[in-house]
C-alpha atoms as a PDB file:
ATOM      1  CA  MET A   1     -40.793  75.005 -31.287  1.00  0.00           C
ATOM      2  CA  ALA A   2     -43.487  74.143 -33.911  1.00  0.00           C
ATOM      3  CA  TYR A   3     -43.456  70.356 -33.309  1.00  0.00           C
ATOM      4  CA  SER A   4     -41.125  67.418 -33.001  1.00  0.00           C
ATOM      5  CA  VAL A   5     -41.022  63.689 -33.985  1.00  0.00           C
ATOM      6  CA  THR A   6     -39.454  61.019 -31.975  1.00  0.00           C
ATOM      7  CA  VAL A   7     -38.348  58.029 -33.335  1.00  0.00           C
ATOM      8  CA  THR A   8     -37.173  55.048 -32.033  1.00  0.00           C
ATOM      9  CA  GLY A   9     -34.980  51.947 -34.301  1.00  0.00           C
ATOM     10  CA  ALA A  10     -31.994  50.349 -34.523  1.00  0.00           C
ATOM     11  CA  CYS A  11     -29.316  53.266 -34.838  1.00  0.00           C
ATOM     12  CA  LYS A  12     -25.682  53.533 -36.531  1.00  0.00           C
ATOM     13  CA  SER A  13     -22.995  56.103 -35.995  1.00  0.00           C
ATOM     14  CA  GLN A  14     -19.916  56.973 -37.721  1.00  0.00           C
ATOM     15  CA  MET A  15     -17.167  59.175 -36.528  1.00  0.00           C
ATOM     16  CA  PHE A  16     -13.964  59.139 -38.703  1.00  0.00           C
ATOM     17  CA  ALA A  17     -13.699  55.322 -38.840  1.00  0.00           C
ATOM     18  CA  GLY A  18     -16.257  52.127 -38.993  1.00  0.00           C
ATOM     19  CA  TRP A  19     -19.875  51.990 -37.481  1.00  0.00           C
ATOM     20  CA  ASP A  20     -20.894  51.593 -33.938  1.00  0.00           C
ATOM     21  CA  ASP A  21     -24.204  51.489 -32.066  1.00  0.00           C
ATOM     22  CA  CYS A  22     -25.698  54.776 -31.278  1.00  0.00           C
ATOM     23  CA  GLN A  23     -29.160  54.984 -28.811  1.00  0.00           C
ATOM     24  CA  GLY A  24     -32.098  54.099 -30.315  1.00  0.00           C
ATOM     25  CA  THR A  25     -33.535  57.114 -30.606  1.00  0.00           C
ATOM     26  CA  ALA A  26     -33.394  60.489 -33.159  1.00  0.00           C
ATOM     27  CA  THR A  27     -35.779  63.809 -33.053  1.00  0.00           C
ATOM     28  CA  TYR A  28     -36.388  66.251 -35.493  1.00  0.00           C
ATOM     29  CA  THR A  29     -37.584  69.370 -34.304  1.00  0.00           C
ATOM     30  CA  ALA A  30     -39.405  72.330 -36.860  1.00  0.00           C
ATOM     31  CA  PHE A  31     -39.106  75.590 -35.648  1.00  0.00           C
ATOM     32  CA  LYS A  32     -41.707  78.329 -36.515  1.00  0.00           C
ATOM     33  CA  ASN A  33     -38.651  80.429 -37.809  1.00  0.00           C
ATOM     34  CA  GLY A  34     -38.625  77.517 -40.558  1.00  0.00           C
ATOM     35  CA  LYS A  35     -35.355  76.538 -38.990  1.00  0.00           C
ATOM     36  CA  TYR A  36     -35.122  72.610 -37.793  1.00  0.00           C
ATOM     37  CA  ASN A  37     -33.012  70.110 -36.024  1.00  0.00           C
ATOM     38  CA  PHE A  38     -32.040  66.471 -35.695  1.00  0.00           C
ATOM     39  CA  ARG A  39     -30.789  65.158 -32.280  1.00  0.00           C
ATOM     40  CA  PHE A  40     -29.234  61.987 -31.983  1.00  0.00           C
ATOM     41  CA  ILE A  41     -26.978  60.521 -29.055  1.00  0.00           C
ATOM     42  CA  ASP A  42     -24.165  58.156 -29.062  1.00  0.00           C
ATOM     43  CA  LYS A  43     -23.836  55.288 -26.923  1.00  0.00           C
ATOM     44  CA  ASN A  44     -21.759  57.058 -24.549  1.00  0.00           C
ATOM     45  CA  ASN A  45     -24.382  60.073 -23.946  1.00  0.00           C
ATOM     46  CA  ASN A  46     -22.638  62.682 -26.089  1.00  0.00           C
ATOM     47  CA  VAL A  47     -25.121  64.605 -27.882  1.00  0.00           C
ATOM     48  CA  TYR A  48     -25.082  65.679 -31.456  1.00  0.00           C
ATOM     49  CA  VAL A  49     -27.762  68.330 -33.068  1.00  0.00           C
ATOM     50  CA  LEU A  50     -27.145  68.671 -36.937  1.00  0.00           C
ATOM     51  CA  ALA A  51     -29.343  72.181 -37.843  1.00  0.00           C
ATOM     52  CA  GLY A  52     -30.421  73.715 -40.991  1.00  0.00           C
ATOM     53  CA  GLY A  53     -32.954  75.640 -42.309  1.00  0.00           C
ATOM     54  CA  LYS A  54     -33.960  74.915 -46.508  1.00  0.00           C
ATOM     55  CA  ASP A  55     -35.472  71.333 -47.145  1.00  0.00           C
ATOM     56  CA  ARG A  56     -36.537  69.802 -50.438  1.00  0.00           C
ATOM     57  CA  GLN A  57     -39.313  67.279 -50.092  1.00  0.00           C
ATOM     58  CA  LEU A  58     -39.092  65.403 -53.428  1.00  0.00           C
ATOM     59  CA  ASP A  59     -42.188  63.707 -52.921  1.00  0.00           C
ATOM     60  CA  VAL A  60     -44.266  62.672 -50.303  1.00  0.00           C
ATOM     61  CA  SER A  61     -42.055  59.594 -49.037  1.00  0.00           C
ATOM     62  CA  ASN A  62     -38.671  61.329 -49.528  1.00  0.00           C
ATOM     63  CA  LEU A  63     -37.514  64.860 -47.676  1.00  0.00           C
ATOM     64  CA  TYR A  64     -33.495  66.030 -48.024  1.00  0.00           C
ATOM     65  CA  SER A  65     -32.530  68.508 -45.430  1.00  0.00           C
ATOM     66  CA  ASN A  66     -29.597  70.765 -45.640  1.00  0.00           C
ATOM     67  CA  ILE A  67     -27.235  70.825 -42.423  1.00  0.00           C
ATOM     68  CA  ASP A  68     -25.085  74.274 -42.345  1.00  0.00           C
ATOM     69  CA  SER A  69     -24.540  73.977 -38.329  1.00  0.00           C
ATOM     70  CA  MET A  70     -23.873  71.267 -35.423  1.00  0.00           C
ATOM     71  CA  ASP A  71     -24.125  71.626 -31.914  1.00  0.00           C
ATOM     72  CA  THR A  72     -21.878  69.176 -29.925  1.00  0.00           C
ATOM     73  CA  THR A  73     -21.752  68.034 -26.142  1.00  0.00           C
ATOM     74  CA  ILE A  74     -19.186  65.569 -25.685  1.00  0.00           C
ATOM     75  CA  ASP A  75     -17.600  64.416 -22.425  1.00  0.00           C
ATOM     76  CA  GLY A  76     -19.389  67.073 -21.194  1.00  0.00           C
ATOM     77  CA  LYS A  77     -17.863  69.911 -23.187  1.00  0.00           C
ATOM     78  CA  LYS A  78     -20.198  71.752 -25.793  1.00  0.00           C
ATOM     79  CA  ALA A  79     -19.190  73.143 -28.756  1.00  0.00           C
ATOM     80  CA  VAL A  80     -20.878  74.601 -31.605  1.00  0.00           C
ATOM     81  CA  ASP A  81     -20.023  74.605 -35.395  1.00  0.00           C
ATOM     82  CA  SER A  82     -21.330  77.135 -37.446  1.00  0.00           C
ATOM     83  CA  GLN A  83     -19.897  76.254 -40.891  1.00  0.00           C
ATOM     84  CA  ALA A  84     -20.747  72.368 -40.950  1.00  0.00           C
ATOM     85  CA  MET A  85     -21.839  71.073 -44.186  1.00  0.00           C
ATOM     86  CA  GLY A  86     -24.165  68.104 -45.224  1.00  0.00           C
ATOM     87  CA  GLY A  87     -27.785  66.770 -45.333  1.00  0.00           C
ATOM     88  CA  CYS A  88     -30.110  64.260 -43.821  1.00  0.00           C
ATOM     89  CA  ASN A  89     -32.126  61.895 -45.838  1.00  0.00           C
ATOM     90  CA  THR A  90     -35.934  61.290 -44.236  1.00  0.00           C
ATOM     91  CA  LYS A  91     -37.544  58.121 -46.168  1.00  0.00           C
ATOM     92  CA  LEU A  92     -41.422  57.785 -45.390  1.00  0.00           C
ATOM     93  CA  SER A  93     -43.662  55.021 -46.685  1.00  0.00           C
ATOM     94  CA  PRO A  94     -45.260  55.943 -50.275  1.00  0.00           C
ATOM     95  CA  ASP A  95     -48.572  57.361 -48.220  1.00  0.00           C
ATOM     96  CA  GLY A  96     -46.263  59.660 -45.976  1.00  0.00           C
ATOM     97  CA  GLU A  97     -47.401  58.087 -42.697  1.00  0.00           C
ATOM     98  CA  LYS A  98     -44.574  56.208 -41.561  1.00  0.00           C
ATOM     99  CA  PHE A  99     -40.636  56.688 -41.280  1.00  0.00           C
ATOM    100  CA  VAL A 100     -38.652  54.396 -42.204  1.00  0.00           C
ATOM    101  CA  TYR A 101     -35.439  55.716 -42.081  1.00  0.00           C
ATOM    102  CA  ILE A 102     -33.442  58.827 -41.353  1.00  0.00           C
ATOM    103  CA  ASP A 103     -29.836  58.978 -42.774  1.00  0.00           C
ATOM    104  CA  CYS A 104     -27.270  61.339 -42.048  1.00  0.00           C
ATOM    105  CA  ALA A 105     -23.522  62.817 -43.431  1.00  0.00           C
ATOM    106  CA  VAL A 106     -22.181  66.123 -42.076  1.00  0.00           C
ATOM    107  CA  SER A 107     -18.711  67.637 -42.230  1.00  0.00           C
ATOM    108  CA  ASN A 108     -17.298  69.531 -39.499  1.00  0.00           C
ATOM    109  CA  SER A 109     -15.431  72.539 -40.350  1.00  0.00           C
ATOM    110  CA  LYS A 110     -12.104  70.362 -39.866  1.00  0.00           C
ATOM    111  CA  LYS A 111     -13.499  68.447 -42.351  1.00  0.00           C
ATOM    112  CA  ALA A 112     -14.404  65.677 -39.940  1.00  0.00           C
ATOM    113  CA  SER A 113     -17.096  63.339 -40.785  1.00  0.00           C
ATOM    114  CA  PHE A 114     -20.241  62.272 -39.065  1.00  0.00           C
ATOM    115  CA  LYS A 115     -22.726  59.996 -39.922  1.00  0.00           C
ATOM    116  CA  PHE A 116     -26.115  58.940 -38.483  1.00  0.00           C
ATOM    117  CA  ARG A 117     -28.741  56.411 -39.150  1.00  0.00           C
ATOM    118  CA  ILE A 118     -31.541  55.021 -37.668  1.00  0.00           C
ATOM    119  CA  THR A 119     -33.727  51.954 -39.495  1.00  0.00           C
ATOM    120  CA  ASN A 120     -36.193  49.662 -38.471  1.00  0.00           C
ATOM    121  CA  ILE A 121     -38.364  52.352 -36.876  1.00  0.00           C
ATOM    122  CA  THR A 122     -40.918  50.729 -34.422  1.00  0.00           C
ATOM    123  CA  ASP A 123     -42.250  53.793 -32.311  1.00  0.00           C
ATOM    124  CA  VAL A 124     -42.959  57.595 -33.121  1.00  0.00           C
ATOM    125  CA  VAL A 125     -43.961  59.842 -31.080  1.00  0.00           C
ATOM    126  CA  ARG A 126     -45.174  63.323 -32.198  1.00  0.00           C
ATOM    127  CA  ALA A 127     -45.559  66.196 -30.140  1.00  0.00           C
ATOM    128  CA  PHE A 128     -46.719  69.892 -31.501  1.00  0.00           C
ATOM    129  CA  ALA A 129     -46.753  73.655 -29.545  1.00  0.00           C
ATOM    130  CA  PRO A 130     -49.456  74.451 -27.628  1.00  0.00           C
END
């Protein structure tokens, strides 16, 4: 790990149809090898880790991260889908200091759609590797 950022706010998720609440924290972790992931937890404690390795920073306040795999732990069963496709948009304040939202949309290899959105971010905790 190079660093991680955990944000707290209002989280919504969409699996298949309709939006539902998810737990109010999301974590972005960047690794020293250039890979990264976004971690979300739904209201039933299922874990979704969306991972990739190519991102584009359009300007200091907009970052788009490609997602190419998804690890899930649903009802205690782990699964890895290395053929997921999608991306996460991270919006920062104009000065690049404050997180405004993280919005992810991913399809798995079976074409099922997963969306996660965290807004109204009230707290940000940054951690750096020693």
